């Protein structure tokens, strides 16, 4: 299992946190099951649902969910043009605060509308620097993997995600329109 940690606010001193809880970036494992499902339930209660990973499988058989995430990270069974991705969770005090999906390799045409990472933070943890710290931890991982930079995308109007990316050194590259007519903004973070 890959894991790194920071105190909220320690990721390059990007945020000022009143709370001093250690945030860890961990590869999703069976041990995260109950808290991960609790996060999914929180998204459902907010009316958002959770279309980012197989939420139904996570609720029914978390062990199988983890096995599928491991296969996805290894590139097993992926449709053509979809890069491997590792699913991480952001954890503090044993609670899953969010999920980060990391793709160390991007190819065309996938990279037109998707980046090296995507993340979701549970509603009760938003506005507390979790996403900023989590992206900072992922940047450390990407540097260790030798990436020269990271491409991140923001769908639609999402100023909170833009702030998270900019706090981590992101700069706006371009705006595009996806196949469904949705706006996608692309940002680049230099890692050299």
C-alpha atoms as a PDB file:
ATOM      1  CA  UNK A   1       0.000   0.000   0.000  1.00  0.00           C
ATOM      2  CA  UNK A   2       1.299   3.447  -0.916  1.00  0.00           C
ATOM      3  CA  UNK A   3       0.773   6.079   1.745  1.00  0.00           C
ATOM      4  CA  UNK A   4       1.921   9.579   2.559  1.00  0.00           C
ATOM      5  CA  UNK A   5       0.728  12.046   5.132  1.00  0.00           C
ATOM      6  CA  UNK A   6       0.596  15.708   6.016  1.00  0.00           C
ATOM      7  CA  UNK A   7      -1.021  17.830   8.626  1.00  0.00           C
ATOM      8  CA  UNK A   8      -3.933  19.785   7.210  1.00  0.00           C
ATOM      9  CA  UNK A   9      -2.298  22.919   5.964  1.00  0.00           C
ATOM     10  CA  UNK A  10       1.237  21.474   5.717  1.00  0.00           C
ATOM     11  CA  UNK A  11       1.152  20.748   1.969  1.00  0.00           C
ATOM     12  CA  UNK A  12       3.522  23.563   0.990  1.00  0.00           C
ATOM     13  CA  UNK A  13       1.810  25.743   3.636  1.00  0.00           C
ATOM     14  CA  UNK A  14      -1.110  26.114   1.248  1.00  0.00           C
ATOM     15  CA  UNK A  15      -3.910  26.301   3.781  1.00  0.00           C
ATOM     16  CA  UNK A  16      -4.420  27.618   7.260  1.00  0.00           C
ATOM     17  CA  UNK A  17      -6.277  24.994   9.257  1.00  0.00           C
ATOM     18  CA  UNK A  18      -7.749  25.536  12.679  1.00  0.00           C
ATOM     19  CA  UNK A  19      -7.820  21.758  13.163  1.00  0.00           C
ATOM     20  CA  UNK A  20      -4.528  19.861  13.306  1.00  0.00           C
ATOM     21  CA  UNK A  21      -5.581  16.469  11.990  1.00  0.00           C
ATOM     22  CA  UNK A  22      -3.175  14.364  10.009  1.00  0.00           C
ATOM     23  CA  UNK A  23      -4.403  13.737   6.458  1.00  0.00           C
ATOM     24  CA  UNK A  24      -3.084  10.621   4.758  1.00  0.00           C
ATOM     25  CA  UNK A  25      -3.205   9.678   1.086  1.00  0.00           C
ATOM     26  CA  UNK A  26      -3.677   5.897   1.057  1.00  0.00           C
ATOM     27  CA  UNK A  27      -4.345   3.362  -1.664  1.00  0.00           C
ATOM     28  CA  UNK A  28      -7.934   2.230  -1.156  1.00  0.00           C
ATOM     29  CA  UNK A  29      -8.112  -1.051   0.788  1.00  0.00           C
ATOM     30  CA  UNK A  30     -10.721  -3.265   2.414  1.00  0.00           C
ATOM     31  CA  UNK A  31     -10.044  -1.529   5.747  1.00  0.00           C
ATOM     32  CA  UNK A  32     -11.531   1.687   4.306  1.00  0.00           C
ATOM     33  CA  UNK A  33     -14.860  -0.005   3.486  1.00  0.00           C
ATOM     34  CA  UNK A  34     -17.222   1.280   6.203  1.00  0.00           C
ATOM     35  CA  UNK A  35     -15.944   4.848   6.070  1.00  0.00           C
ATOM     36  CA  UNK A  36     -15.879   4.894   2.259  1.00  0.00           C
ATOM     37  CA  UNK A  37     -19.506   3.723   2.152  1.00  0.00           C
ATOM     38  CA  UNK A  38     -20.354   6.394   4.729  1.00  0.00           C
ATOM     39  CA  UNK A  39     -18.851   8.960   2.335  1.00  0.00           C
ATOM     40  CA  UNK A  40     -21.001   7.580  -0.500  1.00  0.00           C
ATOM     41  CA  UNK A  41     -24.083   7.874   1.701  1.00  0.00           C
ATOM     42  CA  UNK A  42     -23.198  11.486   2.428  1.00  0.00           C
ATOM     43  CA  UNK A  43     -23.066  12.242  -1.313  1.00  0.00           C
ATOM     44  CA  UNK A  44     -26.467  10.554  -1.720  1.00  0.00           C
ATOM     45  CA  UNK A  45     -28.022  12.558   1.145  1.00  0.00           C
ATOM     46  CA  UNK A  46     -26.784  15.743  -0.539  1.00  0.00           C
ATOM     47  CA  UNK A  47     -28.537  14.658  -3.746  1.00  0.00           C
ATOM     48  CA  UNK A  48     -25.314  14.286  -5.727  1.00  0.00           C
ATOM     49  CA  UNK A  49     -25.049  10.527  -6.068  1.00  0.00           C
ATOM     50  CA  UNK A  50     -21.545   9.184  -6.717  1.00  0.00           C
ATOM     51  CA  UNK A  51     -20.869   8.555 -10.425  1.00  0.00           C
ATOM     52  CA  UNK A  52     -17.067   8.493 -10.106  1.00  0.00           C
ATOM     53  CA  UNK A  53     -16.408   4.850  -9.154  1.00  0.00           C
ATOM     54  CA  UNK A  54     -18.720   1.852  -8.840  1.00  0.00           C
ATOM     55  CA  UNK A  55     -20.644   2.983  -5.747  1.00  0.00           C
ATOM     56  CA  UNK A  56     -23.100   0.083  -5.980  1.00  0.00           C
ATOM     57  CA  UNK A  57     -20.273  -2.468  -5.930  1.00  0.00           C
ATOM     58  CA  UNK A  58     -18.599  -0.647  -3.026  1.00  0.00           C
ATOM     59  CA  UNK A  59     -21.816  -1.006  -1.020  1.00  0.00           C
ATOM     60  CA  UNK A  60     -22.430  -4.653  -1.999  1.00  0.00           C
ATOM     61  CA  UNK A  61     -18.907  -6.140  -1.859  1.00  0.00           C
ATOM     62  CA  UNK A  62     -16.122  -3.775  -0.841  1.00  0.00           C
ATOM     63  CA  UNK A  63     -13.476  -6.489  -1.268  1.00  0.00           C
ATOM     64  CA  UNK A  64     -14.467  -6.894  -4.922  1.00  0.00           C
ATOM     65  CA  UNK A  65     -14.523  -3.097  -5.304  1.00  0.00           C
ATOM     66  CA  UNK A  66     -10.901  -2.997  -4.082  1.00  0.00           C
ATOM     67  CA  UNK A  67      -9.911  -5.869  -6.410  1.00  0.00           C
ATOM     68  CA  UNK A  68     -11.405  -3.993  -9.369  1.00  0.00           C
ATOM     69  CA  UNK A  69      -9.588  -0.798  -8.308  1.00  0.00           C
ATOM     70  CA  UNK A  70      -6.330  -2.789  -8.180  1.00  0.00           C
ATOM     71  CA  UNK A  71      -6.989  -4.191 -11.675  1.00  0.00           C
ATOM     72  CA  UNK A  72      -7.777  -0.697 -12.950  1.00  0.00           C
ATOM     73  CA  UNK A  73      -4.447   0.534 -11.553  1.00  0.00           C
ATOM     74  CA  UNK A  74      -2.687  -2.334 -13.362  1.00  0.00           C
ATOM     75  CA  UNK A  75      -4.527  -1.543 -16.616  1.00  0.00           C
ATOM     76  CA  UNK A  76      -6.410  -4.861 -16.606  1.00  0.00           C
ATOM     77  CA  UNK A  77      -9.706  -4.949 -18.486  1.00  0.00           C
ATOM     78  CA  UNK A  78      -9.835  -1.255 -19.381  1.00  0.00           C
ATOM     79  CA  UNK A  79     -11.571  -0.089 -22.558  1.00  0.00           C
ATOM     80  CA  UNK A  80      -9.282   1.093 -25.344  1.00  0.00           C
ATOM     81  CA  UNK A  81      -8.097   4.663 -24.763  1.00  0.00           C
ATOM     82  CA  UNK A  82      -8.729   4.636 -20.999  1.00  0.00           C
ATOM     83  CA  UNK A  83      -5.494   4.907 -18.993  1.00  0.00           C
ATOM     84  CA  UNK A  84      -4.806   2.979 -15.791  1.00  0.00           C
ATOM     85  CA  UNK A  85      -5.676   4.868 -12.622  1.00  0.00           C
ATOM     86  CA  UNK A  86      -5.000   4.303  -8.942  1.00  0.00           C
ATOM     87  CA  UNK A  87      -7.753   5.037  -6.458  1.00  0.00           C
ATOM     88  CA  UNK A  88      -6.546   6.705  -3.278  1.00  0.00           C
ATOM     89  CA  UNK A  89      -8.523   7.862  -0.286  1.00  0.00           C
ATOM     90  CA  UNK A  90      -7.804  10.866   1.909  1.00  0.00           C
ATOM     91  CA  UNK A  91      -8.052   9.725   5.512  1.00  0.00           C
ATOM     92  CA  UNK A  92      -7.859  11.588   8.838  1.00  0.00           C
ATOM     93  CA  UNK A  93      -8.523  10.025  12.220  1.00  0.00           C
ATOM     94  CA  UNK A  94      -9.722   6.859  10.467  1.00  0.00           C
ATOM     95  CA  UNK A  95     -12.386   8.701   8.455  1.00  0.00           C
ATOM     96  CA  UNK A  96     -12.374   8.716   4.645  1.00  0.00           C
ATOM     97  CA  UNK A  97     -12.656  12.411   3.776  1.00  0.00           C
ATOM     98  CA  UNK A  98     -12.471  11.977   0.022  1.00  0.00           C
ATOM     99  CA  UNK A  99     -11.263  10.010  -2.957  1.00  0.00           C
ATOM    100  CA  UNK A 100      -8.470  10.808  -5.423  1.00  0.00           C
ATOM    101  CA  UNK A 101      -8.099   9.023  -8.740  1.00  0.00           C
ATOM    102  CA  UNK A 102      -4.566   9.279 -10.188  1.00  0.00           C
ATOM    103  CA  UNK A 103      -3.523   8.563 -13.767  1.00  0.00           C
ATOM    104  CA  UNK A 104       0.253   8.743 -14.213  1.00  0.00           C
ATOM    105  CA  UNK A 105      -0.066   8.428 -18.000  1.00  0.00           C
ATOM    106  CA  UNK A 106      -2.420  10.272 -20.351  1.00  0.00           C
ATOM    107  CA  UNK A 107      -2.870   9.747 -24.067  1.00  0.00           C
ATOM    108  CA  UNK A 108      -4.933  11.456 -26.762  1.00  0.00           C
ATOM    109  CA  UNK A 109      -7.850  11.735 -27.089  1.00  0.00           C
ATOM    110  CA  UNK A 110      -8.443  11.032 -23.365  1.00  0.00           C
ATOM    111  CA  UNK A 111      -6.390  14.007 -22.223  1.00  0.00           C
ATOM    112  CA  UNK A 112      -8.587  16.472 -24.127  1.00  0.00           C
ATOM    113  CA  UNK A 113     -11.187  16.331 -21.350  1.00  0.00           C
ATOM    114  CA  UNK A 114      -9.460  14.477 -18.469  1.00  0.00           C
ATOM    115  CA  UNK A 115      -6.354  15.025 -16.407  1.00  0.00           C
ATOM    116  CA  UNK A 116      -3.830  13.149 -14.319  1.00  0.00           C
ATOM    117  CA  UNK A 117      -6.077  13.373 -11.276  1.00  0.00           C
ATOM    118  CA  UNK A 118      -9.657  13.789 -10.177  1.00  0.00           C
ATOM    119  CA  UNK A 119     -10.904  14.103  -6.623  1.00  0.00           C
ATOM    120  CA  UNK A 120     -14.076  14.283  -4.596  1.00  0.00           C
ATOM    121  CA  UNK A 121     -14.398  15.451  -1.014  1.00  0.00           C
ATOM    122  CA  UNK A 122     -17.268  14.448   1.264  1.00  0.00           C
ATOM    123  CA  UNK A 123     -19.567  17.383   1.964  1.00  0.00           C
ATOM    124  CA  UNK A 124     -18.829  17.570   5.704  1.00  0.00           C
ATOM    125  CA  UNK A 125     -15.079  17.957   4.970  1.00  0.00           C
ATOM    126  CA  UNK A 126     -15.349  20.674   2.323  1.00  0.00           C
ATOM    127  CA  UNK A 127     -14.028  24.175   2.885  1.00  0.00           C
ATOM    128  CA  UNK A 128     -11.426  22.919   5.364  1.00  0.00           C
ATOM    129  CA  UNK A 129      -8.381  22.553   3.089  1.00  0.00           C
ATOM    130  CA  UNK A 130      -8.745  18.802   2.559  1.00  0.00           C
ATOM    131  CA  UNK A 131      -8.745  18.990  -1.254  1.00  0.00           C
ATOM    132  CA  UNK A 132      -5.796  21.396  -1.297  1.00  0.00           C
ATOM    133  CA  UNK A 133      -3.799  19.196   1.055  1.00  0.00           C
ATOM    134  CA  UNK A 134      -4.804  16.038  -0.808  1.00  0.00           C
ATOM    135  CA  UNK A 135      -3.749  17.443  -4.166  1.00  0.00           C
ATOM    136  CA  UNK A 136      -0.465  18.521  -2.580  1.00  0.00           C
ATOM    137  CA  UNK A 137       0.129  14.954  -1.391  1.00  0.00           C
ATOM    138  CA  UNK A 138      -0.686  13.629  -4.843  1.00  0.00           C
ATOM    139  CA  UNK A 139       1.758  16.101  -6.390  1.00  0.00           C
ATOM    140  CA  UNK A 140       4.449  14.585  -4.168  1.00  0.00           C
ATOM    141  CA  UNK A 141       3.501  11.153  -5.533  1.00  0.00           C
ATOM    142  CA  UNK A 142       3.592  12.396  -9.144  1.00  0.00           C
ATOM    143  CA  UNK A 143       7.050  13.905  -8.581  1.00  0.00           C
ATOM    144  CA  UNK A 144       8.246  10.588  -7.140  1.00  0.00           C
ATOM    145  CA  UNK A 145       6.864   8.911 -10.286  1.00  0.00           C
ATOM    146  CA  UNK A 146       8.945  11.301 -12.439  1.00  0.00           C
ATOM    147  CA  UNK A 147       6.102  13.269 -14.016  1.00  0.00           C
ATOM    148  CA  UNK A 148       7.262  16.667 -15.345  1.00  0.00           C
ATOM    149  CA  UNK A 149       3.848  18.108 -14.595  1.00  0.00           C
ATOM    150  CA  UNK A 150       0.208  17.336 -14.009  1.00  0.00           C
ATOM    151  CA  UNK A 151      -2.783  18.168 -16.166  1.00  0.00           C
ATOM    152  CA  UNK A 152      -6.019  18.739 -14.245  1.00  0.00           C
ATOM    153  CA  UNK A 153      -9.445  19.496 -15.643  1.00  0.00           C
ATOM    154  CA  UNK A 154     -12.464  21.231 -14.161  1.00  0.00           C
ATOM    155  CA  UNK A 155     -15.894  20.519 -15.577  1.00  0.00           C
ATOM    156  CA  UNK A 156     -18.445  23.312 -15.650  1.00  0.00           C
ATOM    157  CA  UNK A 157     -18.475  26.159 -13.140  1.00  0.00           C
ATOM    158  CA  UNK A 158     -16.496  24.949 -10.119  1.00  0.00           C
ATOM    159  CA  UNK A 159     -14.573  27.830  -8.515  1.00  0.00           C
ATOM    160  CA  UNK A 160     -13.646  25.720  -5.479  1.00  0.00           C
ATOM    161  CA  UNK A 161     -11.730  23.231  -7.658  1.00  0.00           C
ATOM    162  CA  UNK A 162     -10.054  26.071  -9.528  1.00  0.00           C
ATOM    163  CA  UNK A 163      -8.856  27.527  -6.189  1.00  0.00           C
ATOM    164  CA  UNK A 164      -7.491  24.128  -5.088  1.00  0.00           C
ATOM    165  CA  UNK A 165      -5.532  23.765  -8.329  1.00  0.00           C
ATOM    166  CA  UNK A 166      -4.233  27.353  -8.258  1.00  0.00           C
ATOM    167  CA  UNK A 167      -3.156  27.022  -4.602  1.00  0.00           C
ATOM    168  CA  UNK A 168      -1.067  24.055  -5.727  1.00  0.00           C
ATOM    169  CA  UNK A 169       0.620  26.078  -8.493  1.00  0.00           C
ATOM    170  CA  UNK A 170      -1.775  25.359 -11.352  1.00  0.00           C
ATOM    171  CA  UNK A 171      -2.093  27.718 -14.286  1.00  0.00           C
ATOM    172  CA  UNK A 172      -4.928  27.863 -16.783  1.00  0.00           C
ATOM    173  CA  UNK A 173      -4.129  26.315 -20.179  1.00  0.00           C
ATOM    174  CA  UNK A 174      -7.333  26.268 -22.199  1.00  0.00           C
ATOM    175  CA  UNK A 175     -11.098  25.953 -22.235  1.00  0.00           C
ATOM    176  CA  UNK A 176     -12.783  23.335 -24.391  1.00  0.00           C
ATOM    177  CA  UNK A 177     -16.271  21.974 -24.911  1.00  0.00           C
ATOM    178  CA  UNK A 178     -16.816  18.236 -24.446  1.00  0.00           C
ATOM    179  CA  UNK A 179     -18.954  15.996 -26.654  1.00  0.00           C
ATOM    180  CA  UNK A 180     -22.039  16.752 -24.529  1.00  0.00           C
ATOM    181  CA  UNK A 181     -21.571  20.519 -24.834  1.00  0.00           C
ATOM    182  CA  UNK A 182     -20.128  20.937 -21.339  1.00  0.00           C
ATOM    183  CA  UNK A 183     -17.351  23.397 -20.543  1.00  0.00           C
ATOM    184  CA  UNK A 184     -13.990  21.872 -19.523  1.00  0.00           C
ATOM    185  CA  UNK A 185     -11.129  24.048 -18.274  1.00  0.00           C
ATOM    186  CA  UNK A 186      -7.608  22.570 -18.308  1.00  0.00           C
ATOM    187  CA  UNK A 187      -4.842  23.514 -15.847  1.00  0.00           C
ATOM    188  CA  UNK A 188      -1.162  22.586 -15.689  1.00  0.00           C
ATOM    189  CA  UNK A 189       1.024  22.198 -12.582  1.00  0.00           C
ATOM    190  CA  UNK A 190       4.778  22.153 -13.265  1.00  0.00           C
ATOM    191  CA  UNK A 191       6.601  19.555 -11.169  1.00  0.00           C
ATOM    192  CA  UNK A 192      10.178  20.257 -12.289  1.00  0.00           C
END
